[in-house]
N, C-alpha and C. Protein backbone atom coordinates (compact mmCIF):
# COMPACT_ATOMS: atom_id res chain seq x y z
N MET A 1 106.80 12.60 120.58
CA MET A 1 107.64 12.55 121.38
C MET A 1 108.45 11.75 121.77
N VAL A 2 109.91 12.04 122.00
CA VAL A 2 110.57 10.69 122.52
C VAL A 2 110.72 10.30 123.72
N ASN A 3 110.44 8.81 123.95
CA ASN A 3 110.39 8.29 125.14
C ASN A 3 112.01 8.27 126.03
N ARG A 4 112.25 9.03 126.66
CA ARG A 4 113.58 8.90 127.35
C ARG A 4 113.82 7.95 128.10
N GLU A 5 113.15 7.35 128.58
CA GLU A 5 113.68 5.96 128.98
C GLU A 5 114.25 4.71 128.06
N LEU A 6 113.63 5.04 126.84
CA LEU A 6 114.08 4.17 125.75
C LEU A 6 115.43 4.26 125.18
N HIS A 7 116.04 5.74 125.63
CA HIS A 7 117.47 6.33 124.92
C HIS A 7 117.90 6.70 126.35
N SER A 8 117.77 5.76 127.12
CA SER A 8 118.68 6.22 128.27
C SER A 8 119.21 5.01 128.87
N CYS A 9 120.49 5.12 129.27
CA CYS A 9 121.37 3.90 129.95
C CYS A 9 120.84 3.80 131.41
N ILE A 10 120.28 2.41 131.75
CA ILE A 10 119.90 2.01 132.67
C ILE A 10 120.43 2.15 134.15
N ILE A 11 122.11 2.23 133.57
CA ILE A 11 123.21 2.18 134.95
C ILE A 11 123.46 3.59 135.19
N CYS A 12 123.98 4.36 134.32
CA CYS A 12 124.31 5.70 134.17
C CYS A 12 123.16 6.93 134.26
N GLY A 13 122.21 6.56 133.45
CA GLY A 13 121.28 7.95 133.09
C GLY A 13 121.75 8.51 131.77
N TYR A 14 122.69 8.30 131.36
CA TYR A 14 122.78 8.92 130.11
C TYR A 14 121.88 8.66 129.12
N TYR A 15 121.75 10.05 128.67
CA TYR A 15 120.65 10.22 127.34
C TYR A 15 121.33 10.71 126.28
N ASP A 16 120.83 10.14 125.07
CA ASP A 16 121.39 10.77 123.95
C ASP A 16 119.84 10.26 122.80
N GLU A 17 119.05 10.57 121.86
CA GLU A 17 118.04 10.41 121.22
C GLU A 17 118.53 9.03 119.92
N GLU A 18 119.98 9.34 119.64
CA GLU A 18 120.33 8.11 118.47
C GLU A 18 120.76 6.76 119.95
N PHE A 19 120.93 6.97 121.05
CA PHE A 19 121.13 5.85 121.74
C PHE A 19 119.83 5.18 122.09
N LEU A 20 119.62 3.50 121.50
CA LEU A 20 118.81 2.68 122.13
C LEU A 20 119.13 1.19 122.61
N PRO A 21 119.53 1.41 124.01
CA PRO A 21 120.04 -0.04 124.37
C PRO A 21 119.11 -0.83 124.37
N TRP A 22 117.91 -0.68 124.95
CA TRP A 22 116.70 -1.72 124.48
C TRP A 22 115.71 -1.84 123.37
N GLY A 23 116.35 -1.45 122.27
CA GLY A 23 115.63 -0.97 121.06
C GLY A 23 114.51 -0.11 121.30
N LEU A 24 113.65 0.09 120.14
CA LEU A 24 112.32 1.00 119.83
C LEU A 24 111.17 0.28 120.67
N ASP A 25 111.29 -1.25 121.10
CA ASP A 25 110.15 -1.70 121.80
C ASP A 25 110.47 -1.83 123.58
N GLY A 26 111.71 -1.78 123.63
CA GLY A 26 112.19 -1.57 125.17
C GLY A 26 112.42 -2.94 125.94
N GLU A 27 112.10 -3.90 124.87
CA GLU A 27 111.77 -5.43 125.19
C GLU A 27 113.26 -6.29 125.08
N PHE A 28 113.80 -5.95 123.97
CA PHE A 28 115.22 -6.81 123.46
C PHE A 28 116.32 -5.88 123.31
N PRO A 29 117.19 -6.26 123.76
CA PRO A 29 118.56 -5.59 123.99
C PRO A 29 119.60 -5.58 122.73
N LEU A 30 120.04 -4.36 122.84
CA LEU A 30 120.82 -4.31 121.40
C LEU A 30 122.33 -4.62 121.39
N TYR A 31 122.77 -4.94 122.72
CA TYR A 31 123.98 -4.99 123.35
C TYR A 31 124.78 -3.72 122.99
N GLU A 32 124.42 -2.57 123.18
CA GLU A 32 124.84 -1.53 122.77
C GLU A 32 125.59 -1.09 124.13
N ILE A 33 127.04 -0.24 123.99
CA ILE A 33 127.94 -0.18 125.11
C ILE A 33 127.83 1.30 125.01
N CYS A 34 127.24 1.77 126.70
CA CYS A 34 126.82 3.49 126.69
C CYS A 34 128.24 3.96 126.89
N PRO A 35 128.10 5.31 125.98
CA PRO A 35 129.36 5.84 125.77
C PRO A 35 129.87 6.38 127.15
N CYS A 36 129.04 6.76 127.91
CA CYS A 36 129.29 7.45 129.62
C CYS A 36 130.23 6.27 130.45
N CYS A 37 129.25 5.25 130.87
CA CYS A 37 129.77 4.53 131.75
C CYS A 37 130.27 3.13 131.23
N GLY A 38 130.07 3.06 129.97
CA GLY A 38 130.73 1.78 129.43
C GLY A 38 129.95 0.40 129.33
N ALA A 39 128.80 0.50 130.16
CA ALA A 39 127.94 -0.82 130.45
C ALA A 39 127.24 -1.26 129.27
N GLU A 40 127.44 -2.73 129.23
CA GLU A 40 126.67 -2.89 127.90
C GLU A 40 125.52 -3.60 128.19
N SER A 41 124.17 -3.03 127.57
CA SER A 41 122.88 -3.19 127.33
C SER A 41 122.75 -4.73 127.17
N GLY A 42 121.88 -5.47 128.07
CA GLY A 42 121.51 -6.78 128.16
C GLY A 42 122.28 -7.65 128.43
N TYR A 43 123.60 -6.80 129.34
CA TYR A 43 124.44 -8.02 130.14
C TYR A 43 124.54 -7.16 131.46
N GLU A 44 125.04 -5.76 131.39
CA GLU A 44 124.99 -5.24 132.82
C GLU A 44 123.76 -4.76 133.29
N ASP A 45 122.68 -4.73 132.34
CA ASP A 45 121.60 -4.22 132.96
C ASP A 45 120.21 -5.37 132.73
N PHE A 46 120.73 -6.46 132.66
CA PHE A 46 119.69 -7.55 132.43
C PHE A 46 118.66 -8.00 133.43
N THR A 47 119.26 -8.02 134.59
CA THR A 47 118.43 -8.13 136.11
C THR A 47 118.62 -7.27 137.01
N LEU A 48 117.65 -7.05 137.61
CA LEU A 48 117.73 -5.73 138.46
C LEU A 48 119.16 -6.11 139.51
N GLU A 49 119.65 -7.30 140.21
CA GLU A 49 120.63 -7.31 140.77
C GLU A 49 121.89 -6.96 139.87
N SER A 50 121.56 -7.24 138.32
CA SER A 50 123.00 -7.12 137.65
C SER A 50 123.07 -5.04 137.55
N THR A 51 121.95 -5.03 137.24
CA THR A 51 121.92 -3.26 137.32
C THR A 51 122.26 -2.58 138.52
N ILE A 52 121.95 -3.17 139.90
CA ILE A 52 122.36 -2.43 141.05
C ILE A 52 123.96 -2.77 141.23
N HIS A 53 124.35 -4.14 141.07
CA HIS A 53 125.89 -4.47 140.79
C HIS A 53 126.66 -3.18 140.08
N TYR A 54 126.20 -3.32 138.82
CA TYR A 54 127.01 -2.33 137.75
C TYR A 54 126.57 -0.89 138.29
N ARG A 55 125.12 -0.45 138.68
CA ARG A 55 125.51 1.10 138.81
C ARG A 55 126.25 1.32 140.21
N ASP A 56 126.62 0.38 141.18
CA ASP A 56 127.46 0.47 142.55
C ASP A 56 128.35 0.67 141.95
N LYS A 57 128.82 -0.04 141.05
CA LYS A 57 130.36 -0.08 140.50
C LYS A 57 130.86 1.38 139.80
N TRP A 58 129.87 1.63 138.95
CA TRP A 58 129.69 3.16 138.13
C TRP A 58 130.03 4.24 139.33
N ILE A 59 129.16 4.32 140.31
CA ILE A 59 128.95 5.05 141.51
C ILE A 59 130.47 5.39 141.78
N LYS A 60 131.00 4.00 142.24
CA LYS A 60 132.42 3.98 143.05
C LYS A 60 133.54 4.46 141.71
N SER A 61 133.37 4.59 140.95
CA SER A 61 134.33 4.83 139.95
C SER A 61 135.28 5.85 139.83
N THR A 62 136.47 6.11 139.27
CA THR A 62 136.74 7.53 139.37
C THR A 62 136.38 8.19 138.29
N LYS A 63 135.67 8.13 137.13
CA LYS A 63 135.35 8.83 136.17
C LYS A 63 134.06 9.47 137.01
N PHE A 64 132.89 8.54 137.34
CA PHE A 64 131.93 9.16 138.13
C PHE A 64 131.92 10.48 139.33
N ASN A 65 133.18 9.94 140.04
CA ASN A 65 133.83 10.96 140.79
C ASN A 65 134.39 12.04 140.57
N ALA A 66 134.80 12.15 139.31
CA ALA A 66 135.67 13.35 138.89
C ALA A 66 134.57 14.94 138.20
N ASP A 67 133.74 14.34 138.09
CA ASP A 67 132.26 15.47 137.94
C ASP A 67 131.36 15.06 138.23
N LYS A 68 130.70 16.46 138.87
CA LYS A 68 129.51 16.28 139.43
C LYS A 68 128.22 16.34 138.44
N LYS A 69 128.66 16.34 137.18
CA LYS A 69 127.29 16.13 136.24
C LYS A 69 127.26 14.85 136.38
N TYR A 70 127.76 13.54 136.54
CA TYR A 70 127.70 12.48 136.13
C TYR A 70 126.56 12.08 137.37
N LYS A 71 126.83 12.67 138.64
CA LYS A 71 125.60 12.34 139.69
C LYS A 71 124.24 13.14 139.63
N LYS A 72 124.49 14.52 138.80
CA LYS A 72 123.14 15.35 138.29
C LYS A 72 122.38 14.54 137.10
N GLN A 73 123.23 13.65 135.98
CA GLN A 73 122.46 12.94 135.10
C GLN A 73 121.75 11.97 135.93
N LEU A 74 122.51 10.69 136.61
CA LEU A 74 121.96 9.62 137.55
C LEU A 74 120.87 10.13 138.02
N VAL A 75 120.81 11.37 138.98
CA VAL A 75 119.54 11.66 139.84
C VAL A 75 118.53 12.08 138.88
N ASN A 76 118.69 12.83 137.94
CA ASN A 76 117.50 13.02 136.83
C ASN A 76 117.32 12.09 136.52
N TYR A 77 117.86 11.12 136.11
CA TYR A 77 117.24 9.67 135.66
C TYR A 77 116.25 8.92 136.53
N ILE A 78 116.86 9.00 137.84
CA ILE A 78 115.93 8.07 138.72
C ILE A 78 114.91 9.11 138.86
N GLU A 79 114.65 10.55 138.86
CA GLU A 79 113.59 11.38 139.09
C GLU A 79 112.57 11.06 137.97
N TYR A 80 113.13 10.88 136.71
CA TYR A 80 112.22 11.04 135.65
C TYR A 80 111.36 9.27 135.71
N LEU A 81 112.24 8.36 136.22
CA LEU A 81 111.33 6.90 136.01
C LEU A 81 110.22 7.11 137.16
N LYS A 82 110.48 8.18 138.21
CA LYS A 82 109.24 8.03 139.26
C LYS A 82 107.92 8.60 139.07
């Protein structure tokens, strides 16, 4: 079974089984760029404060607000983490 958390962007909730922003152990960033929101793992999501900042920036972006699927993606990710 795939660990969805390891394969998801912490900022926007983008999920892909080939995407491993924080590696297989979830401890060390691979500095991958999210193909959805453009956040760089290990930089934009390194601390809680930076995650909140860049998630807020993503939510206010034109791309996020252009399609309802992005809001659903983020809500689904947050629900998954609960």
